[in-house]
């Protein structure tokens, strides 16, 4: 097996852990969509591409660990990042912490990176971030506070959709593009 296709494990609610073998190079779009009991994923060093929303709505996911020999991805505190740390690809949304500070190395927040995270109430985005992807914080029902830095230039489609607890948000003048 070299490829895990789109929706390959869609709605596999009994799946609790996944070890991606060394033969796999690609994890497709929404490959583990709605695997609501998935708690941990181990990604081998052979994986070169993880498509957006690969772990969408995995509401109990608390740990994504990447082999230290992987040249494309890494994990920091159980969250998935590009190898250089510039893009936060997937926050492990099953974590129970209330606050999260995005590392200073991050310049972009990926599509659906925090989508469906119910525990976070406060997220701090550093000045290094210039873009927020599509649906990045969508359906984060508990999110009350988010501080957007002056460095941000673009906000993707539906970035804050259904964030019903979000009390206010200030869009800095640096933002030149806001999606739907």
N, C-alpha and C. Protein backbone atom coordinates (compact mmCIF):
# COMPACT_ATOMS: atom_id res chain seq x y z
N UNK A 1 0.84 -1.18 0.00
CA UNK A 1 0.00 0.00 0.00
C UNK A 1 0.89 1.24 0.00
N UNK A 2 0.69 2.11 -1.00
CA UNK A 2 1.46 3.35 -1.08
C UNK A 2 0.58 4.58 -0.91
N UNK A 3 -0.72 4.39 -1.01
CA UNK A 3 -1.65 5.52 -0.98
C UNK A 3 -2.87 5.16 -0.15
N UNK A 4 -3.25 6.07 0.77
CA UNK A 4 -4.52 5.94 1.48
C UNK A 4 -5.43 6.97 0.83
N UNK A 5 -6.40 6.51 0.09
CA UNK A 5 -7.24 7.38 -0.73
C UNK A 5 -8.22 8.23 0.05
N UNK A 6 -8.84 9.19 -0.64
CA UNK A 6 -9.85 10.04 -0.02
C UNK A 6 -10.98 9.21 0.60
N UNK A 7 -11.35 9.56 1.82
CA UNK A 7 -12.44 8.91 2.55
C UNK A 7 -12.24 7.41 2.77
N UNK A 8 -11.00 6.92 2.70
CA UNK A 8 -10.73 5.48 2.83
C UNK A 8 -11.28 4.88 4.12
N UNK A 9 -11.18 5.61 5.21
CA UNK A 9 -11.67 5.11 6.49
C UNK A 9 -12.81 5.98 7.02
N UNK A 10 -13.54 6.59 6.13
CA UNK A 10 -14.65 7.47 6.48
C UNK A 10 -15.63 6.76 7.43
N UNK A 11 -15.96 7.43 8.54
CA UNK A 11 -16.94 6.93 9.51
C UNK A 11 -16.56 5.60 10.16
N UNK A 12 -15.28 5.28 10.22
CA UNK A 12 -14.85 4.08 10.94
C UNK A 12 -14.78 4.44 12.43
N UNK A 13 -15.92 4.46 13.06
CA UNK A 13 -16.01 4.95 14.43
C UNK A 13 -15.41 4.00 15.46
N UNK A 14 -15.12 2.76 15.11
CA UNK A 14 -14.47 1.84 16.03
C UNK A 14 -12.95 1.92 15.98
N UNK A 15 -12.43 2.64 15.02
CA UNK A 15 -10.98 2.79 14.87
C UNK A 15 -10.44 3.68 15.99
N UNK A 16 -9.46 3.17 16.76
CA UNK A 16 -8.93 3.93 17.89
C UNK A 16 -7.50 4.39 17.70
N UNK A 17 -6.72 3.68 16.88
CA UNK A 17 -5.35 4.11 16.61
C UNK A 17 -4.94 3.67 15.22
N UNK A 18 -4.00 4.43 14.65
CA UNK A 18 -3.52 4.14 13.30
C UNK A 18 -2.01 4.27 13.28
N UNK A 19 -1.36 3.30 12.67
CA UNK A 19 0.08 3.38 12.40
C UNK A 19 0.22 3.34 10.88
N UNK A 20 0.68 4.44 10.31
CA UNK A 20 0.87 4.53 8.86
C UNK A 20 2.19 3.83 8.54
N UNK A 21 2.16 2.75 7.75
CA UNK A 21 3.38 1.98 7.48
C UNK A 21 4.37 2.72 6.56
N UNK A 22 5.59 2.22 6.55
CA UNK A 22 6.67 2.83 5.77
C UNK A 22 6.40 2.86 4.27
N UNK A 23 5.53 2.02 3.76
CA UNK A 23 5.26 2.00 2.31
C UNK A 23 4.38 3.16 1.85
N UNK A 24 3.61 3.75 2.76
CA UNK A 24 2.64 4.79 2.39
C UNK A 24 3.34 6.14 2.17
N UNK A 25 3.06 6.76 1.03
CA UNK A 25 3.61 8.09 0.72
C UNK A 25 2.55 9.18 0.75
N UNK A 26 1.27 8.81 0.57
CA UNK A 26 0.21 9.81 0.48
C UNK A 26 -0.98 9.43 1.35
N UNK A 27 -1.46 10.40 2.13
CA UNK A 27 -2.70 10.24 2.89
C UNK A 27 -3.70 11.20 2.28
N UNK A 28 -4.76 10.66 1.71
CA UNK A 28 -5.70 11.45 0.92
C UNK A 28 -6.63 12.34 1.71
N UNK A 29 -7.31 13.17 0.97
CA UNK A 29 -8.30 14.12 1.47
C UNK A 29 -9.33 13.37 2.32
N UNK A 30 -9.52 13.81 3.56
CA UNK A 30 -10.52 13.23 4.48
C UNK A 30 -10.39 11.72 4.64
N UNK A 31 -9.18 11.20 4.54
CA UNK A 31 -8.95 9.75 4.63
C UNK A 31 -9.52 9.15 5.91
N UNK A 32 -9.43 9.87 7.01
CA UNK A 32 -9.93 9.38 8.30
C UNK A 32 -11.10 10.24 8.79
N UNK A 33 -11.84 10.78 7.86
CA UNK A 33 -12.98 11.65 8.17
C UNK A 33 -13.95 10.97 9.13
N UNK A 34 -14.30 11.70 10.18
CA UNK A 34 -15.33 11.27 11.12
C UNK A 34 -14.99 9.97 11.85
N UNK A 35 -13.72 9.69 12.05
CA UNK A 35 -13.29 8.56 12.89
C UNK A 35 -13.29 9.08 14.32
N UNK A 36 -14.46 9.16 14.91
CA UNK A 36 -14.66 9.88 16.16
C UNK A 36 -14.02 9.24 17.38
N UNK A 37 -13.59 7.99 17.31
CA UNK A 37 -12.90 7.35 18.43
C UNK A 37 -11.40 7.20 18.20
N UNK A 38 -10.91 7.74 17.10
CA UNK A 38 -9.48 7.71 16.82
C UNK A 38 -8.76 8.62 17.81
N UNK A 39 -7.81 8.06 18.57
CA UNK A 39 -7.10 8.86 19.58
C UNK A 39 -5.64 9.12 19.20
N UNK A 40 -5.03 8.23 18.42
CA UNK A 40 -3.62 8.44 18.09
C UNK A 40 -3.29 7.99 16.67
N UNK A 41 -2.37 8.73 16.07
CA UNK A 41 -1.88 8.43 14.73
C UNK A 41 -0.36 8.50 14.77
N UNK A 42 0.28 7.50 14.18
CA UNK A 42 1.74 7.50 14.03
C UNK A 42 2.03 7.50 12.54
N UNK A 43 2.78 8.50 12.10
CA UNK A 43 3.09 8.69 10.68
C UNK A 43 4.55 8.33 10.44
N UNK A 44 4.79 7.44 9.48
CA UNK A 44 6.15 6.98 9.18
C UNK A 44 6.95 8.02 8.42
N UNK A 45 8.22 7.72 8.21
CA UNK A 45 9.10 8.66 7.51
C UNK A 45 8.88 8.67 6.00
N UNK A 46 8.10 7.71 5.46
CA UNK A 46 7.88 7.65 4.01
C UNK A 46 6.80 8.61 3.51
N UNK A 47 5.96 9.12 4.41
CA UNK A 47 4.83 9.96 4.00
C UNK A 47 5.34 11.31 3.49
N UNK A 48 4.98 11.62 2.25
CA UNK A 48 5.42 12.88 1.63
C UNK A 48 4.27 13.86 1.42
N UNK A 49 3.03 13.36 1.48
CA UNK A 49 1.89 14.25 1.28
C UNK A 49 0.72 13.84 2.17
N UNK A 50 0.21 14.82 2.91
CA UNK A 50 -1.00 14.63 3.70
C UNK A 50 -1.97 15.70 3.21
N UNK A 51 -3.03 15.25 2.55
CA UNK A 51 -3.98 16.20 1.97
C UNK A 51 -4.86 16.82 3.06
N UNK A 52 -5.44 17.97 2.74
CA UNK A 52 -6.23 18.70 3.73
C UNK A 52 -7.37 17.84 4.27
N UNK A 53 -7.73 18.11 5.47
CA UNK A 53 -8.80 17.43 6.22
C UNK A 53 -8.62 15.92 6.32
N UNK A 54 -7.39 15.44 6.26
CA UNK A 54 -7.13 14.00 6.38
C UNK A 54 -7.69 13.45 7.69
N UNK A 55 -7.68 14.26 8.74
CA UNK A 55 -8.16 13.83 10.05
C UNK A 55 -9.36 14.67 10.50
N UNK A 56 -10.19 15.02 9.56
CA UNK A 56 -11.35 15.88 9.82
C UNK A 56 -12.34 15.21 10.76
N UNK A 57 -12.80 15.95 11.75
CA UNK A 57 -13.80 15.52 12.72
C UNK A 57 -13.38 14.27 13.50
N UNK A 58 -12.10 14.11 13.73
CA UNK A 58 -11.61 13.05 14.62
C UNK A 58 -11.60 13.65 16.03
N UNK A 59 -12.76 13.70 16.63
CA UNK A 59 -13.00 14.49 17.84
C UNK A 59 -12.31 13.98 19.09
N UNK A 60 -11.75 12.79 19.07
CA UNK A 60 -10.99 12.27 20.22
C UNK A 60 -9.50 12.16 19.95
N UNK A 61 -9.06 12.70 18.81
CA UNK A 61 -7.65 12.63 18.45
C UNK A 61 -6.81 13.50 19.37
N UNK A 62 -5.92 12.88 20.14
CA UNK A 62 -5.09 13.61 21.10
C UNK A 62 -3.61 13.58 20.74
N UNK A 63 -3.23 12.75 19.77
CA UNK A 63 -1.81 12.64 19.46
C UNK A 63 -1.56 12.26 18.00
N UNK A 64 -0.80 13.11 17.33
CA UNK A 64 -0.30 12.81 15.98
C UNK A 64 1.21 12.82 16.10
N UNK A 65 1.82 11.66 15.96
CA UNK A 65 3.28 11.56 16.09
C UNK A 65 3.88 11.23 14.73
N UNK A 66 4.92 11.97 14.37
CA UNK A 66 5.58 11.79 13.08
C UNK A 66 7.00 11.30 13.33
N UNK A 67 7.43 10.33 12.53
CA UNK A 67 8.80 9.83 12.62
C UNK A 67 9.79 10.99 12.49
N UNK A 68 10.81 10.98 13.31
CA UNK A 68 11.83 12.04 13.26
C UNK A 68 12.57 12.05 11.92
N UNK A 69 12.52 10.93 11.18
CA UNK A 69 13.20 10.84 9.89
C UNK A 69 12.34 11.30 8.72
N UNK A 70 11.10 11.73 8.99
CA UNK A 70 10.24 12.22 7.93
C UNK A 70 10.76 13.58 7.46
N UNK A 71 10.92 13.74 6.16
CA UNK A 71 11.47 14.98 5.58
C UNK A 71 10.42 16.03 5.28
N UNK A 72 9.13 15.73 5.49
CA UNK A 72 8.07 16.65 5.10
C UNK A 72 7.21 17.14 6.27
N UNK A 73 7.12 16.35 7.32
CA UNK A 73 6.25 16.67 8.44
C UNK A 73 6.95 16.43 9.77
N UNK A 74 6.39 17.06 10.81
CA UNK A 74 6.86 16.80 12.17
C UNK A 74 5.70 17.03 13.13
N UNK A 75 5.88 16.53 14.34
CA UNK A 75 4.87 16.78 15.36
C UNK A 75 5.51 17.56 16.50
N UNK A 76 4.72 18.47 17.03
CA UNK A 76 5.12 19.23 18.22
C UNK A 76 3.97 19.07 19.19
N UNK A 77 4.24 18.51 20.34
CA UNK A 77 3.21 18.29 21.37
C UNK A 77 1.98 17.56 20.82
N UNK A 78 2.19 16.63 19.91
CA UNK A 78 1.09 15.84 19.38
C UNK A 78 0.29 16.49 18.27
N UNK A 79 0.73 17.65 17.79
CA UNK A 79 0.06 18.34 16.69
C UNK A 79 0.92 18.22 15.43
N UNK A 80 0.30 18.29 14.26
CA UNK A 80 0.97 18.08 12.98
C UNK A 80 1.38 19.40 12.33
N UNK A 81 2.66 19.48 11.94
CA UNK A 81 3.22 20.68 11.30
C UNK A 81 4.02 20.26 10.06
N UNK A 82 4.25 21.22 9.17
CA UNK A 82 5.21 21.01 8.10
C UNK A 82 6.58 20.84 8.75
N UNK A 83 7.51 20.20 8.06
CA UNK A 83 8.82 19.90 8.64
C UNK A 83 9.53 21.15 9.15
N UNK A 84 9.40 22.27 8.44
CA UNK A 84 10.06 23.51 8.86
C UNK A 84 9.30 24.24 9.96
N UNK A 85 8.13 23.72 10.33
CA UNK A 85 7.33 24.33 11.38
C UNK A 85 6.56 25.56 10.95
N UNK A 86 6.60 25.88 9.65
CA UNK A 86 5.95 27.09 9.16
C UNK A 86 4.43 26.95 9.00
N UNK A 87 3.94 25.73 8.87
CA UNK A 87 2.50 25.54 8.69
C UNK A 87 1.97 24.59 9.76
N UNK A 88 0.95 25.03 10.47
CA UNK A 88 0.24 24.17 11.41
C UNK A 88 -0.84 23.48 10.59
N UNK A 89 -0.69 22.18 10.40
CA UNK A 89 -1.57 21.43 9.52
C UNK A 89 -2.80 20.90 10.26
N UNK A 90 -2.57 20.30 11.43
CA UNK A 90 -3.68 19.73 12.18
C UNK A 90 -3.40 19.78 13.68
N UNK A 91 -4.27 20.49 14.38
CA UNK A 91 -4.26 20.46 15.84
C UNK A 91 -5.02 19.20 16.25
N UNK A 92 -4.50 18.47 17.23
CA UNK A 92 -5.18 17.25 17.71
C UNK A 92 -6.39 17.68 18.52
N UNK A 93 -7.56 17.74 17.86
CA UNK A 93 -8.74 18.39 18.42
C UNK A 93 -9.36 17.67 19.61
N UNK A 94 -8.90 16.47 19.92
CA UNK A 94 -9.42 15.76 21.08
C UNK A 94 -8.78 16.15 22.39
N UNK A 95 -7.76 16.97 22.32
CA UNK A 95 -7.10 17.44 23.54
C UNK A 95 -8.09 18.23 24.37
N UNK A 96 -7.91 18.20 25.67
CA UNK A 96 -8.88 18.84 26.57
C UNK A 96 -8.42 20.18 27.12
N UNK A 97 -7.33 20.72 26.59
CA UNK A 97 -6.86 22.01 27.09
C UNK A 97 -7.76 23.14 26.61
N UNK A 98 -7.82 24.22 27.39
CA UNK A 98 -8.67 25.37 27.07
C UNK A 98 -7.96 26.42 26.25
N UNK A 99 -6.64 26.49 26.38
CA UNK A 99 -5.88 27.53 25.68
C UNK A 99 -4.77 26.91 24.85
N UNK A 100 -4.46 27.57 23.74
CA UNK A 100 -3.35 27.11 22.90
C UNK A 100 -2.65 28.33 22.32
N UNK A 101 -1.33 28.31 22.43
CA UNK A 101 -0.50 29.35 21.84
C UNK A 101 0.21 28.73 20.64
N UNK A 102 -0.07 29.25 19.47
CA UNK A 102 0.56 28.75 18.25
C UNK A 102 2.04 29.14 18.28
N UNK A 103 2.95 28.20 17.98
CA UNK A 103 4.39 28.52 18.02
C UNK A 103 4.77 29.65 17.07
N UNK A 104 5.81 30.38 17.46
CA UNK A 104 6.30 31.52 16.66
C UNK A 104 6.82 31.12 15.28
N UNK A 105 7.15 29.86 15.08
CA UNK A 105 7.66 29.41 13.77
C UNK A 105 6.57 29.37 12.71
N UNK A 106 5.31 29.37 13.11
CA UNK A 106 4.19 29.19 12.19
C UNK A 106 3.91 30.49 11.43
N UNK A 107 3.81 30.36 10.09
CA UNK A 107 3.43 31.49 9.25
C UNK A 107 2.04 31.28 8.62
N UNK A 108 1.57 30.03 8.62
CA UNK A 108 0.27 29.73 8.04
C UNK A 108 -0.48 28.67 8.84
N UNK A 109 -1.77 28.87 8.97
CA UNK A 109 -2.65 27.91 9.64
C UNK A 109 -3.43 27.21 8.54
N UNK A 110 -3.32 25.89 8.46
CA UNK A 110 -3.90 25.11 7.38
C UNK A 110 -5.41 25.03 7.39
N UNK A 111 -5.96 24.60 6.25
CA UNK A 111 -7.40 24.40 6.11
C UNK A 111 -7.90 23.43 7.19
N UNK A 112 -8.94 23.81 7.89
CA UNK A 112 -9.59 22.98 8.91
C UNK A 112 -8.66 22.54 10.04
N UNK A 113 -7.59 23.26 10.28
CA UNK A 113 -6.58 22.87 11.28
C UNK A 113 -7.16 22.70 12.68
N UNK A 114 -8.12 23.53 13.05
CA UNK A 114 -8.75 23.45 14.37
C UNK A 114 -10.23 23.08 14.28
N UNK A 115 -10.73 22.85 13.11
CA UNK A 115 -12.16 22.64 12.90
C UNK A 115 -12.71 21.56 13.82
N UNK A 116 -13.85 21.84 14.44
CA UNK A 116 -14.56 20.94 15.34
C UNK A 116 -13.89 20.75 16.69
N UNK A 117 -12.94 21.59 17.04
CA UNK A 117 -12.30 21.50 18.35
C UNK A 117 -13.24 22.13 19.39
N UNK A 118 -13.70 21.32 20.32
CA UNK A 118 -14.70 21.81 21.27
C UNK A 118 -14.11 22.34 22.58
N UNK A 119 -12.87 21.99 22.91
CA UNK A 119 -12.33 22.36 24.21
C UNK A 119 -11.68 23.74 24.26
N UNK A 120 -11.09 24.20 23.17
CA UNK A 120 -10.36 25.46 23.19
C UNK A 120 -11.30 26.66 23.32
N UNK A 121 -10.98 27.52 24.27
CA UNK A 121 -11.73 28.76 24.43
C UNK A 121 -10.89 29.96 24.02
N UNK A 122 -9.57 29.80 24.02
CA UNK A 122 -8.66 30.91 23.72
C UNK A 122 -7.50 30.41 22.88
N UNK A 123 -7.26 31.07 21.75
CA UNK A 123 -6.12 30.74 20.87
C UNK A 123 -5.34 32.01 20.63
N UNK A 124 -4.03 31.91 20.82
CA UNK A 124 -3.15 33.05 20.56
C UNK A 124 -2.36 32.77 19.28
N UNK A 125 -2.50 33.68 18.34
CA UNK A 125 -1.81 33.58 17.06
C UNK A 125 -0.62 34.54 17.09
N UNK A 126 0.59 34.06 16.82
CA UNK A 126 1.76 34.94 16.89
C UNK A 126 1.87 35.88 15.69
N UNK A 127 2.70 36.89 15.84
CA UNK A 127 2.94 37.88 14.77
C UNK A 127 3.52 37.26 13.50
N UNK A 128 4.05 36.06 13.58
CA UNK A 128 4.63 35.41 12.41
C UNK A 128 3.58 34.93 11.40
N UNK A 129 2.34 34.75 11.84
CA UNK A 129 1.29 34.19 10.98
C UNK A 129 0.79 35.24 9.99
N UNK A 130 0.78 34.85 8.70
CA UNK A 130 0.29 35.75 7.65
C UNK A 130 -0.99 35.24 7.00
N UNK A 131 -1.33 33.94 7.19
CA UNK A 131 -2.54 33.42 6.55
C UNK A 131 -3.26 32.40 7.43
N UNK A 132 -4.58 32.43 7.33
CA UNK A 132 -5.46 31.47 7.99
C UNK A 132 -6.24 30.77 6.90
N UNK A 133 -6.18 29.44 6.86
CA UNK A 133 -6.81 28.66 5.80
C UNK A 133 -8.32 28.55 5.91
N UNK A 134 -8.90 27.96 4.88
CA UNK A 134 -10.35 27.74 4.82
C UNK A 134 -10.81 26.90 6.02
N UNK A 135 -11.89 27.30 6.65
CA UNK A 135 -12.52 26.57 7.76
C UNK A 135 -11.55 26.27 8.90
N UNK A 136 -10.50 27.05 9.04
CA UNK A 136 -9.45 26.77 10.03
C UNK A 136 -10.00 26.63 11.44
N UNK A 137 -10.96 27.46 11.81
CA UNK A 137 -11.53 27.42 13.16
C UNK A 137 -13.03 27.12 13.14
N UNK A 138 -13.53 26.64 12.04
CA UNK A 138 -14.97 26.39 11.90
C UNK A 138 -15.46 25.39 12.95
N UNK A 139 -16.63 25.63 13.45
CA UNK A 139 -17.32 24.76 14.39
C UNK A 139 -16.52 24.57 15.69
N UNK A 140 -15.77 25.58 16.07
CA UNK A 140 -15.11 25.59 17.37
C UNK A 140 -16.07 26.27 18.33
N UNK A 141 -17.06 25.52 18.78
CA UNK A 141 -18.18 26.08 19.55
C UNK A 141 -17.74 26.81 20.82
N UNK A 142 -16.67 26.34 21.46
CA UNK A 142 -16.23 26.95 22.72
C UNK A 142 -15.32 28.14 22.56
N UNK A 143 -14.83 28.40 21.36
CA UNK A 143 -13.87 29.47 21.14
C UNK A 143 -14.48 30.83 21.46
N UNK A 144 -13.92 31.49 22.46
CA UNK A 144 -14.41 32.80 22.90
C UNK A 144 -13.49 33.93 22.49
N UNK A 145 -12.18 33.65 22.54
CA UNK A 145 -11.20 34.71 22.30
C UNK A 145 -10.15 34.24 21.30
N UNK A 146 -9.90 35.08 20.32
CA UNK A 146 -8.81 34.85 19.38
C UNK A 146 -8.23 36.21 19.04
N UNK A 147 -6.94 36.30 19.15
CA UNK A 147 -6.27 37.57 18.85
C UNK A 147 -5.57 37.41 17.50
N UNK A 148 -5.95 38.26 16.57
CA UNK A 148 -5.37 38.20 15.22
C UNK A 148 -4.27 39.26 15.13
N UNK A 149 -3.07 38.84 14.78
CA UNK A 149 -1.95 39.78 14.74
C UNK A 149 -1.98 40.70 13.51
N UNK A 150 -1.25 41.79 13.60
CA UNK A 150 -1.16 42.75 12.50
C UNK A 150 -0.42 42.20 11.29
N UNK A 151 0.24 41.06 11.45
CA UNK A 151 0.98 40.45 10.34
C UNK A 151 0.06 39.73 9.36
N UNK A 152 -1.16 39.40 9.77
CA UNK A 152 -2.07 38.61 8.95
C UNK A 152 -2.50 39.37 7.70
N UNK A 153 -2.46 38.67 6.55
CA UNK A 153 -2.88 39.29 5.29
C UNK A 153 -4.09 38.61 4.67
N UNK A 154 -4.32 37.31 4.99
CA UNK A 154 -5.47 36.63 4.37
C UNK A 154 -6.16 35.68 5.34
N UNK A 155 -7.49 35.65 5.21
CA UNK A 155 -8.35 34.76 5.99
C UNK A 155 -9.19 33.98 4.99
N UNK A 156 -9.14 32.66 5.06
CA UNK A 156 -9.83 31.80 4.10
C UNK A 156 -11.33 31.73 4.28
N UNK A 157 -11.97 31.04 3.37
CA UNK A 157 -13.42 30.83 3.41
C UNK A 157 -13.84 30.15 4.71
N UNK A 158 -14.91 30.62 5.29
CA UNK A 158 -15.54 30.01 6.46
C UNK A 158 -14.58 29.79 7.63
N UNK A 159 -13.57 30.61 7.74
CA UNK A 159 -12.53 30.43 8.76
C UNK A 159 -13.10 30.38 10.18
N UNK A 160 -14.14 31.16 10.44
CA UNK A 160 -14.73 31.20 11.79
C UNK A 160 -16.21 30.80 11.78
N UNK A 161 -16.63 30.02 10.79
CA UNK A 161 -18.02 29.62 10.67
C UNK A 161 -18.46 28.82 11.90
N UNK A 162 -19.62 29.12 12.41
CA UNK A 162 -20.24 28.43 13.54
C UNK A 162 -19.41 28.50 14.83
N UNK A 163 -18.68 29.57 15.00
CA UNK A 163 -17.98 29.83 16.26
C UNK A 163 -18.93 30.66 17.13
N UNK A 164 -19.94 30.01 17.65
CA UNK A 164 -21.05 30.69 18.31
C UNK A 164 -20.66 31.40 19.60
N UNK A 165 -19.57 30.98 20.25
CA UNK A 165 -19.16 31.61 21.51
C UNK A 165 -18.19 32.77 21.30
N UNK A 166 -17.73 32.97 20.07
CA UNK A 166 -16.77 34.04 19.78
C UNK A 166 -17.46 35.38 19.99
N UNK A 167 -16.96 36.13 20.96
CA UNK A 167 -17.62 37.38 21.37
C UNK A 167 -17.28 38.56 20.48
N UNK A 168 -16.03 38.67 20.09
CA UNK A 168 -15.65 39.72 19.15
C UNK A 168 -14.34 39.35 18.48
N UNK A 169 -14.11 39.97 17.38
CA UNK A 169 -12.89 39.72 16.62
C UNK A 169 -12.51 41.02 15.94
N UNK A 170 -11.26 41.36 16.01
CA UNK A 170 -10.77 42.57 15.36
C UNK A 170 -9.91 42.16 14.17
N UNK A 171 -10.31 42.60 13.01
CA UNK A 171 -9.57 42.31 11.78
C UNK A 171 -8.56 43.45 11.58
N UNK A 172 -7.27 43.14 11.60
CA UNK A 172 -6.27 44.20 11.42
C UNK A 172 -6.29 44.78 9.99
N UNK A 173 -5.78 45.98 9.85
CA UNK A 173 -5.73 46.65 8.54
C UNK A 173 -4.86 45.91 7.54
N UNK A 174 -3.95 45.06 8.04
CA UNK A 174 -3.05 44.31 7.17
C UNK A 174 -3.77 43.26 6.32
N UNK A 175 -4.99 42.86 6.72
CA UNK A 175 -5.74 41.84 6.00
C UNK A 175 -6.25 42.42 4.69
N UNK A 176 -5.85 41.79 3.59
CA UNK A 176 -6.25 42.24 2.25
C UNK A 176 -7.25 41.29 1.60
N UNK A 177 -7.45 40.11 2.21
CA UNK A 177 -8.33 39.13 1.60
C UNK A 177 -9.06 38.34 2.69
N UNK A 178 -10.40 38.34 2.61
CA UNK A 178 -11.24 37.55 3.50
C UNK A 178 -12.19 36.74 2.62
N UNK A 179 -12.20 35.43 2.82
CA UNK A 179 -13.08 34.55 2.04
C UNK A 179 -14.53 34.65 2.48
N UNK A 180 -15.35 33.78 1.96
CA UNK A 180 -16.78 33.73 2.30
C UNK A 180 -16.98 33.47 3.78
